[in-house]
Protein backbone atom coordinates (compact mmCIF):
# COMPACT_ATOMS: atom_id res chain seq x y z
CA MET A 1 39.00 25.45 36.98
CA ALA A 2 41.68 23.67 34.93
CA ASN A 3 45.01 22.62 36.43
CA ILE A 4 47.69 23.35 33.82
CA VAL A 5 51.45 22.67 33.86
CA ALA A 6 53.81 24.20 31.24
CA VAL A 7 57.06 22.37 30.43
CA VAL A 8 59.59 25.00 29.25
CA GLY A 9 63.34 25.41 28.71
CA ARG A 10 66.05 25.81 26.08
CA PRO A 11 66.30 23.33 23.17
CA ASN A 12 67.33 19.68 23.62
CA VAL A 13 67.08 19.34 27.42
CA GLY A 14 64.48 16.53 27.19
CA LYS A 15 61.21 18.48 27.52
CA SER A 16 59.24 16.20 25.17
CA THR A 17 60.55 13.04 26.91
CA PHE A 18 59.50 14.58 30.24
CA PHE A 19 56.09 15.56 28.76
CA ASN A 20 55.56 11.95 27.57
CA ARG A 21 56.48 10.72 31.07
CA LEU A 22 53.88 13.05 32.68
CA VAL A 23 51.05 12.07 30.30
CA GLU A 24 52.15 8.40 30.36
CA GLU A 25 52.08 7.93 26.60
CA ARG A 26 54.35 8.81 23.67
CA LYS A 27 52.42 11.81 22.40
CA ALA A 28 55.28 14.19 21.62
CA ILE A 29 58.01 13.35 19.13
CA GLU A 30 61.41 12.83 20.78
CA ASP A 31 64.70 13.18 18.91
CA ASN A 32 68.30 14.14 19.69
CA VAL A 33 68.04 16.97 17.15
CA SER A 34 67.22 20.31 18.78
CA GLY A 35 64.09 22.14 17.64
CA VAL A 36 61.88 19.08 17.04
CA THR A 37 58.95 20.53 19.03
CA ARG A 38 57.68 23.78 17.57
CA ASP A 39 54.05 24.34 18.58
CA ARG A 40 52.36 24.07 21.97
CA HIS A 41 51.30 20.48 22.50
CA TYR A 42 48.74 19.29 25.11
CA GLY A 43 48.17 16.10 27.08
CA HIS A 44 46.53 14.99 30.34
CA GLY A 45 48.26 13.65 33.47
CA GLN A 46 47.29 12.48 36.94
CA TRP A 47 49.09 12.40 40.28
CA GLY A 48 47.93 11.99 43.89
CA GLY A 49 44.28 11.88 42.85
CA LYS A 50 44.53 15.20 40.98
CA PHE A 51 44.12 15.52 37.20
CA PHE A 52 45.97 18.16 35.20
CA SER A 53 46.78 19.25 31.65
CA VAL A 54 50.41 19.39 30.48
CA ILE A 55 51.72 21.74 27.76
CA ASP A 56 54.92 20.77 25.94
CA THR A 57 56.73 23.69 24.25
CA GLY A 58 59.56 24.25 21.81
CA GLY A 59 63.07 25.14 22.95
CA TYR A 60 63.33 28.83 23.89
CA VAL A 61 66.25 30.69 22.25
CA ILE A 62 66.78 34.41 22.93
CA GLY A 63 68.19 36.81 20.36
CA SER A 64 68.00 34.47 17.37
CA ASP A 65 66.85 35.74 13.96
CA ASP A 66 65.70 32.25 12.93
CA MET A 67 62.09 32.36 11.66
CA TYR A 68 61.04 29.27 13.62
CA GLU A 69 62.73 30.30 16.87
CA ALA A 70 60.94 33.68 16.88
CA GLU A 71 57.60 31.81 16.44
CA ILE A 72 58.54 29.25 19.12
CA ARG A 73 59.20 32.11 21.60
CA LYS A 74 55.63 33.36 20.99
CA GLN A 75 54.23 29.86 21.61
CA VAL A 76 56.25 29.47 24.86
CA LYS A 77 54.98 32.83 26.18
CA LEU A 78 51.38 31.81 25.44
CA ALA A 79 51.94 28.51 27.32
CA ILE A 80 53.36 30.38 30.35
CA GLU A 81 50.33 32.69 30.36
CA GLU A 82 47.98 29.68 30.27
CA ALA A 83 49.65 27.60 33.00
CA ASN A 84 49.16 27.49 36.80
CA VAL A 85 52.63 25.97 37.34
CA ILE A 86 55.84 26.29 35.27
CA LEU A 87 58.38 23.44 35.06
CA PHE A 88 61.70 24.90 33.88
CA VAL A 89 63.70 21.95 32.48
CA VAL A 90 67.52 22.13 32.46
CA ASP A 91 70.21 19.54 31.61
CA CYS A 92 72.45 18.12 34.39
CA LEU A 93 75.05 16.88 31.93
CA ASP A 94 75.49 20.24 30.15
CA GLY A 95 75.39 22.19 33.41
CA LEU A 96 74.25 25.80 33.70
CA THR A 97 74.45 27.51 30.29
CA ASP A 98 74.05 31.12 29.20
CA MET A 99 70.82 30.13 27.46
CA ASP A 100 69.44 28.82 30.78
CA LYS A 101 70.38 32.10 32.49
CA ASP A 102 68.77 34.18 29.73
CA PHE A 103 65.57 32.17 29.92
CA ALA A 104 65.55 32.37 33.75
CA ASN A 105 65.65 36.18 33.41
CA GLU A 106 62.62 35.98 31.11
CA LEU A 107 60.75 33.92 33.74
CA ARG A 108 61.55 36.22 36.68
CA GLY A 109 58.60 38.48 35.88
CA SER A 110 56.14 35.59 36.24
CA LYS A 111 54.11 35.46 39.45
CA LYS A 112 53.47 31.72 38.95
CA PRO A 113 55.15 28.89 40.90
CA ILE A 114 58.33 27.85 39.01
CA PHE A 115 60.10 24.51 39.56
CA ILE A 116 63.63 23.94 38.25
CA VAL A 117 63.72 20.38 36.87
CA ALA A 118 67.29 19.08 36.34
CA ASN A 119 66.87 16.33 33.75
CA LYS A 120 69.22 13.45 32.80
CA ALA A 121 70.15 12.83 36.47
CA ASP A 122 70.04 9.05 36.07
CA SER A 123 72.69 8.24 38.71
CA PRO A 124 73.55 9.63 42.21
CA GLU A 125 76.72 11.23 40.78
CA LYS A 126 74.75 13.06 38.07
CA SER A 127 72.13 14.14 40.64
CA MET A 128 74.92 15.93 42.52
CA LEU A 129 75.53 18.06 39.41
CA ALA A 130 72.00 19.51 39.77
CA ALA A 131 73.18 21.71 42.68
CA GLU A 132 74.72 24.09 40.13
CA PHE A 133 71.27 25.32 39.15
CA TYR A 134 70.61 26.88 42.58
CA ALA A 135 72.70 29.77 41.18
CA LEU A 136 69.65 30.75 39.06
CA GLY A 137 67.94 31.91 42.28
CA LEU A 138 64.59 31.13 40.75
CA GLY A 139 61.35 29.44 41.69
CA GLU A 140 60.57 27.40 44.78
CA ASN A 141 64.16 27.51 46.14
CA GLU A 142 64.55 23.84 45.28
CA VAL A 143 66.09 22.03 42.31
CA TYR A 144 64.53 18.66 41.44
CA PRO A 145 66.93 16.17 39.78
CA ILE A 146 65.00 13.73 37.58
CA ALA A 147 65.56 11.25 34.73
CA ALA A 148 62.66 11.69 32.29
CA VAL A 149 63.61 8.50 30.40
CA SER A 150 63.20 6.23 33.46
CA GLY A 151 60.86 8.42 35.53
CA SER A 152 63.32 8.62 38.45
CA GLY A 153 62.63 11.65 40.68
CA THR A 154 59.40 12.68 38.98
CA GLY A 155 57.25 11.48 41.91
CA ASP A 156 58.91 13.85 44.43
CA LEU A 157 58.53 16.72 41.97
CA LEU A 158 54.82 16.01 41.30
CA ASP A 159 54.11 15.73 45.05
CA GLU A 160 55.11 19.41 45.30
CA VAL A 161 53.53 20.52 42.01
CA ILE A 162 50.01 19.30 42.86
CA LYS A 163 50.03 21.37 46.09
CA HIS A 164 49.56 24.39 43.82
CA PHE A 165 46.41 23.02 42.16
CA PRO A 166 43.22 24.52 43.58
CA ASP A 167 40.99 21.56 42.70
CA GLU A 168 40.94 17.90 41.66
CA GLY A 169 40.61 18.67 37.95
CA GLU A 170 38.86 16.44 35.40
CA GLU A 171 40.07 12.99 34.32
CA ASP A 172 39.63 13.76 30.67
CA PRO A 173 38.04 17.15 29.94
CA ASP A 174 37.70 16.10 26.28
CA GLU A 175 35.43 13.08 26.94
CA GLY A 176 32.32 13.09 24.74
CA ILE A 177 33.36 16.14 22.70
CA PRO A 178 33.42 15.77 18.88
CA LYS A 179 37.00 15.38 17.61
CA ILE A 180 37.75 16.95 14.23
CA ALA A 181 41.13 16.42 12.52
CA ILE A 182 42.57 18.58 9.73
CA LEU A 183 44.60 16.35 7.41
CA GLY A 184 46.27 16.78 4.06
CA ARG A 185 49.49 17.15 2.14
CA PRO A 186 52.18 19.58 3.41
CA ASN A 187 51.59 23.32 2.90
CA VAL A 188 47.90 23.28 1.94
CA GLY A 189 47.01 25.71 4.79
CA LYS A 190 46.03 23.42 7.71
CA SER A 191 47.71 25.51 10.43
CA SER A 192 46.56 28.81 8.89
CA PHE A 193 42.97 27.46 8.96
CA LEU A 194 43.22 26.59 12.66
CA ASN A 195 44.72 30.00 13.50
CA ALA A 196 42.04 31.81 11.46
CA LEU A 197 39.27 29.96 13.34
CA LEU A 198 40.77 30.67 16.74
CA GLY A 199 41.75 34.25 15.99
CA LYS A 200 45.18 33.62 17.57
CA GLU A 201 48.35 31.79 16.64
CA ARG A 202 47.88 28.28 17.92
CA SER A 203 50.12 26.68 15.28
CA ILE A 204 53.27 28.09 13.75
CA VAL A 205 52.74 29.02 10.09
CA THR A 206 55.45 29.52 7.46
CA ASN A 207 55.64 29.04 3.68
CA GLU A 208 57.93 26.07 4.22
CA ALA A 209 56.36 22.62 3.97
CA GLY A 210 56.70 20.50 7.11
CA THR A 211 56.43 23.32 9.68
CA THR A 212 53.93 21.40 11.83
CA ARG A 213 55.45 18.20 13.22
CA ASP A 214 53.20 17.04 16.06
CA ALA A 215 49.41 16.72 16.11
CA ILE A 216 48.20 19.95 17.77
CA HIS A 217 44.92 19.59 19.73
CA THR A 218 42.76 22.67 20.38
CA LYS A 219 39.39 23.06 22.10
CA TYR A 220 37.04 25.29 20.14
CA LYS A 221 33.51 26.61 20.68
CA LEU A 222 31.11 27.72 17.96
CA TYR A 223 27.39 28.49 18.43
CA GLY A 224 27.48 26.93 21.91
CA GLN A 225 28.99 23.65 20.65
CA ASP A 226 32.34 22.48 22.04
CA PHE A 227 34.66 20.43 19.88
CA ILE A 228 38.34 19.57 19.56
CA ILE A 229 40.19 20.47 16.37
CA THR A 230 43.53 18.80 15.67
CA ASP A 231 46.07 20.28 13.28
CA THR A 232 48.40 17.60 11.93
CA ALA A 233 51.67 17.34 10.05
CA GLY A 234 51.40 17.21 6.25
CA ILE A 235 51.34 13.67 4.85
CA ARG A 236 53.46 12.87 1.78
CA LYS A 237 54.10 9.65 -0.13
CA LYS A 238 56.30 7.18 1.77
CA ALA A 239 59.06 7.44 -0.85
CA LYS A 240 59.43 11.17 -0.16
CA VAL A 241 59.74 10.83 3.63
CA LYS A 242 63.48 10.92 4.29
CA GLU A 243 63.92 12.25 7.85
CA ASP A 244 63.08 10.24 10.99
CA ILE A 245 61.28 13.30 12.39
CA GLU A 246 58.98 13.52 9.37
CA PHE A 247 58.32 9.79 9.58
CA TYR A 248 57.17 10.16 13.22
CA SER A 249 55.15 13.28 12.30
CA VAL A 250 53.28 11.29 9.66
CA MET A 251 52.71 8.42 12.13
CA ARG A 252 51.23 10.93 14.64
CA SER A 253 48.96 12.30 11.90
CA LEU A 254 47.71 8.81 11.07
CA ARG A 255 47.14 8.05 14.76
CA THR A 256 45.13 11.29 15.01
CA LEU A 257 43.05 10.06 12.06
CA GLU A 258 42.26 6.88 14.01
CA GLU A 259 41.32 8.82 17.17
CA SER A 260 39.09 11.44 15.47
CA ASP A 261 35.39 11.44 14.64
CA VAL A 262 35.45 13.69 11.56
CA LEU A 263 38.27 14.28 9.06
CA ILE A 264 38.65 17.53 7.15
CA ILE A 265 40.76 16.50 4.15
CA MET A 266 42.27 19.81 3.05
CA ILE A 267 43.52 20.11 -0.51
CA ASP A 268 45.13 22.88 -2.58
CA ALA A 269 42.68 24.31 -5.17
CA THR A 270 45.55 24.95 -7.58
CA ARG A 271 46.50 21.24 -7.55
CA GLY A 272 43.12 19.54 -7.21
CA LEU A 273 42.40 16.13 -5.67
CA GLU A 274 45.63 14.11 -5.91
CA ALA A 275 46.32 10.41 -5.40
CA GLN A 276 47.65 11.04 -1.87
CA ASP A 277 44.38 12.81 -0.90
CA VAL A 278 42.34 9.89 -2.28
CA ASN A 279 44.50 7.48 -0.22
CA LEU A 280 43.77 9.51 2.93
CA ILE A 281 40.03 9.44 2.16
CA SER A 282 40.18 5.63 1.66
CA LEU A 283 41.96 5.30 5.01
CA GLY A 284 39.26 7.43 6.66
CA ILE A 285 36.49 5.26 5.17
CA LYS A 286 38.30 2.10 6.31
CA ASN A 287 38.38 3.55 9.85
CA ASN A 288 34.67 4.53 9.71
CA LYS A 289 35.30 8.27 10.03
CA GLY A 290 33.08 11.15 8.99
CA ILE A 291 34.79 12.82 5.99
CA MET A 292 34.61 16.13 4.12
CA VAL A 293 36.90 17.70 1.52
CA MET A 294 37.94 21.32 2.06
CA VAL A 295 39.37 22.90 -1.10
CA ASN A 296 41.61 25.74 0.16
CA LYS A 297 43.37 28.59 -1.75
CA TRP A 298 40.25 29.08 -3.88
CA ASP A 299 41.26 32.78 -4.18
CA LEU A 300 44.32 31.73 -6.24
CA VAL A 301 42.26 30.02 -8.97
CA GLU A 302 41.34 31.99 -12.10
CA LYS A 303 37.60 31.54 -12.40
CA ASP A 304 34.65 32.04 -14.69
CA HIS A 305 31.02 31.00 -14.07
CA LYS A 306 31.77 27.36 -15.02
CA THR A 307 34.99 26.81 -13.00
CA LEU A 308 33.39 25.67 -9.74
CA ASP A 309 31.12 23.09 -11.42
CA LYS A 310 33.95 21.79 -13.60
CA ILE A 311 36.39 21.31 -10.69
CA LYS A 312 33.68 19.81 -8.47
CA LYS A 313 32.65 17.37 -11.21
CA ASP A 314 36.29 16.31 -11.67
CA MET A 315 36.66 15.68 -7.91
CA VAL A 316 33.41 13.70 -7.68
CA GLU A 317 34.64 11.48 -10.52
CA LYS A 318 37.88 10.82 -8.63
CA LEU A 319 35.88 9.95 -5.49
CA GLY A 320 34.13 7.20 -7.50
CA GLU A 321 31.37 5.53 -5.50
CA ASN A 322 32.08 7.79 -2.49
CA LYS A 323 29.93 10.62 -3.87
CA TRP A 324 28.45 11.08 -0.40
CA ILE A 325 31.57 13.04 0.70
CA PRO A 326 30.73 16.79 0.77
CA ILE A 327 33.11 19.30 -0.86
CA ILE A 328 33.46 22.95 0.22
CA PHE A 329 35.58 25.63 -1.51
CA THR A 330 37.38 28.05 0.85
CA SER A 331 40.17 30.58 1.17
CA VAL A 332 41.81 30.73 4.59
CA GLU A 333 43.75 33.81 3.42
CA THR A 334 40.55 35.83 2.80
CA LYS A 335 38.52 33.88 5.43
CA GLN A 336 36.05 32.88 2.68
CA ARG A 337 33.67 30.14 3.94
CA ILE A 338 36.01 28.99 6.76
CA PHE A 339 33.22 29.06 9.34
CA GLN A 340 30.86 27.24 6.96
CA ALA A 341 33.59 24.57 6.71
CA ILE A 342 33.47 24.02 10.48
CA GLU A 343 29.66 24.04 10.45
CA LEU A 344 29.82 21.33 7.77
CA ALA A 345 32.24 19.27 9.92
CA VAL A 346 29.82 19.51 12.88
CA LYS A 347 26.92 18.49 10.61
CA VAL A 348 28.95 15.44 9.45
CA TYR A 349 29.50 14.55 13.14
CA GLU A 350 25.73 14.79 13.77
CA ASN A 351 25.10 12.54 10.75
CA LYS A 352 27.68 10.05 12.05
CA THR A 353 25.87 9.79 15.39
CA ARG A 354 22.36 9.78 13.82
CA LYS A 355 20.02 6.98 14.90
CA VAL A 356 17.06 6.18 12.64
CA ALA A 357 13.98 4.61 14.21
CA THR A 358 13.33 1.03 13.05
CA SER A 359 9.73 1.91 12.10
CA LYS A 360 10.94 4.73 9.80
CA LEU A 361 13.57 2.50 8.17
CA ASN A 362 11.01 -0.19 7.34
CA GLU A 363 8.42 2.36 6.23
CA TYR A 364 10.76 3.98 3.67
CA ILE A 365 13.11 1.19 2.57
CA LEU A 366 10.86 -1.94 2.38
CA PRO A 367 8.71 -0.44 -0.45
CA GLU A 368 11.93 0.27 -2.40
CA ILE A 369 12.97 -3.38 -1.92
CA GLU A 370 9.56 -4.58 -3.13
CA LYS A 371 10.00 -2.50 -6.32
CA TYR A 372 13.53 -3.83 -6.91
CA PRO A 373 14.04 -7.10 -4.99
CA PRO A 374 17.48 -8.78 -4.86
CA PRO A 375 18.15 -10.83 -8.02
CA ALA A 376 17.35 -14.55 -7.66
CA LEU A 377 20.34 -16.86 -7.49
CA LYS A 378 20.34 -20.58 -8.41
CA GLY A 379 16.55 -20.37 -8.80
CA LYS A 380 16.13 -19.17 -5.20
CA TYR A 381 14.33 -15.95 -4.33
CA ILE A 382 15.70 -13.69 -1.59
CA LYS A 383 13.12 -12.08 0.66
CA ILE A 384 14.15 -9.17 2.95
CA LYS A 385 11.62 -8.97 5.77
CA TYR A 386 12.91 -6.40 8.21
CA ILE A 387 15.58 -3.65 8.70
CA THR A 388 17.10 -2.11 11.83
CA GLN A 389 20.03 0.14 12.70
CA LEU A 390 22.49 -1.56 15.06
CA PRO A 391 23.57 0.21 18.29
CA THR A 392 27.12 0.94 17.05
CA LYS A 393 29.26 4.12 17.02
CA ASN A 394 28.96 4.33 13.23
CA PRO A 395 25.87 3.77 11.06
CA VAL A 396 25.44 0.02 10.52
CA PHE A 397 22.16 -1.37 9.14
CA ALA A 398 21.09 -4.99 9.50
CA PHE A 399 18.79 -6.49 6.85
CA PHE A 400 17.04 -9.69 7.97
CA CYS A 401 16.37 -12.11 5.12
CA ASN A 402 16.02 -15.81 4.25
CA LEU A 403 19.27 -16.22 2.21
CA PRO A 404 21.84 -13.60 3.32
CA GLN A 405 24.73 -15.42 1.62
CA TYR A 406 23.23 -14.85 -1.86
CA ILE A 407 23.13 -11.01 -1.77
CA LYS A 408 25.92 -9.43 -3.84
CA SER A 409 27.68 -6.07 -3.43
CA PRO A 410 25.87 -4.18 -6.29
CA TYR A 411 22.58 -4.74 -4.43
CA SER A 412 24.19 -3.53 -1.18
CA ARG A 413 25.13 -0.33 -3.02
CA PHE A 414 21.51 0.01 -4.19
CA LEU A 415 20.30 -0.31 -0.57
CA GLU A 416 22.92 2.18 0.67
CA ASN A 417 21.78 4.72 -1.94
CA ARG A 418 18.15 4.29 -0.88
CA ILE A 419 19.11 4.87 2.78
CA ARG A 420 21.07 8.00 1.82
CA GLU A 421 18.16 9.34 -0.28
CA ASN A 422 15.72 9.01 2.64
CA PHE A 423 17.95 9.90 5.62
CA ASP A 424 20.78 12.41 5.94
CA PHE A 425 24.09 10.55 6.18
CA GLU A 426 26.14 13.04 4.12
CA GLY A 427 29.86 12.65 4.86
CA VAL A 428 29.50 9.33 6.68
CA PRO A 429 30.38 5.79 5.52
CA ILE A 430 27.47 3.35 5.89
CA LYS A 431 27.84 -0.37 6.51
CA ILE A 432 25.23 -2.93 5.53
CA THR A 433 25.07 -6.38 7.02
CA TYR A 434 22.68 -9.30 6.34
CA LYS A 435 21.33 -11.63 8.99
CA LYS A 436 19.28 -14.77 8.64
CA LYS A 437 15.68 -14.26 9.70
């Protein structure tokens, strides 16, 4: 059974700073502007030998007509339902506000253990101010003054919190599970895709670009296979990124790219493959990631029997020598081919982890080399004797030969194409290295 803690409260009390303190890394974006966190955001923490998951949530505002705040309230309620323990964060410096009281009334119906966490108590004088929150008459009859920035007071709080966990938990429940990231420009439908797959609102969706700010991790199961899907903030050209918050959102998206196994590069069918998408693909190749292109909003394109082939041909041309990247046309709105898109991502993961037996490699590739040997250089003939796949995370093939320094990149491309023709590495970058026999 999972141990789950939800960090909740009104806007701008320091929930994301506290979340980062609990998971011991800067996962959530922190800013002095209220409303930075919008979706539920997960991380893993440990205390007293017990492992637990932490959910960061957006600031809860009651009675607001704001589109985002209504969606944030839904996300907070889902987090409270999911959690074993609720940490209600308040602000010592602001004191007890009407918003705190309103939210406390919302929490009263919950049968779960609730801890009042008085943040920004970074001196004994400020800690004294925390006593005001006893008036809420909520939770474990104790108010815990802490300073999320320095970590002061969090130990005493966690000592009490872990008493409510039934088991030790897992160090990292996500270990060994394929990690798939959805990346792309703002407003191409990344969050809608995740919600359509899950059948529930995991990410907040609006027509406004830039709704998603943090990287949102979700565990998902399809046909008995577990994997983690991460929705990310839309990535625009540097010149267009004006706000600090968007800058950090983009940085989180790029870090997610580095941590993932497979990238779903989502593009808008009405705009086609743009320079920014090609840059993302290049970055994925540089980081040795499995890659696929998901063309969304296909329902909005006026089509005849030649449209698909024409658009696909145009995209393949833009991909240049990376023709091994698969392309799938979908509509999240009508749910057209969205499950095939995930099946394709899982297939790319399988290809990325594929190991080809040395005997098979030599059986299929050496005859191709005999037909078209490497061109002689300076009157010297290059003889490739033997091929093997190295025990690396990504497909790397070592070719043993007499003069490795004389083999040029066009011949490496020829060898890569022969490997791809004989073995399924669709969606995966291949590296070729030469070693002296």
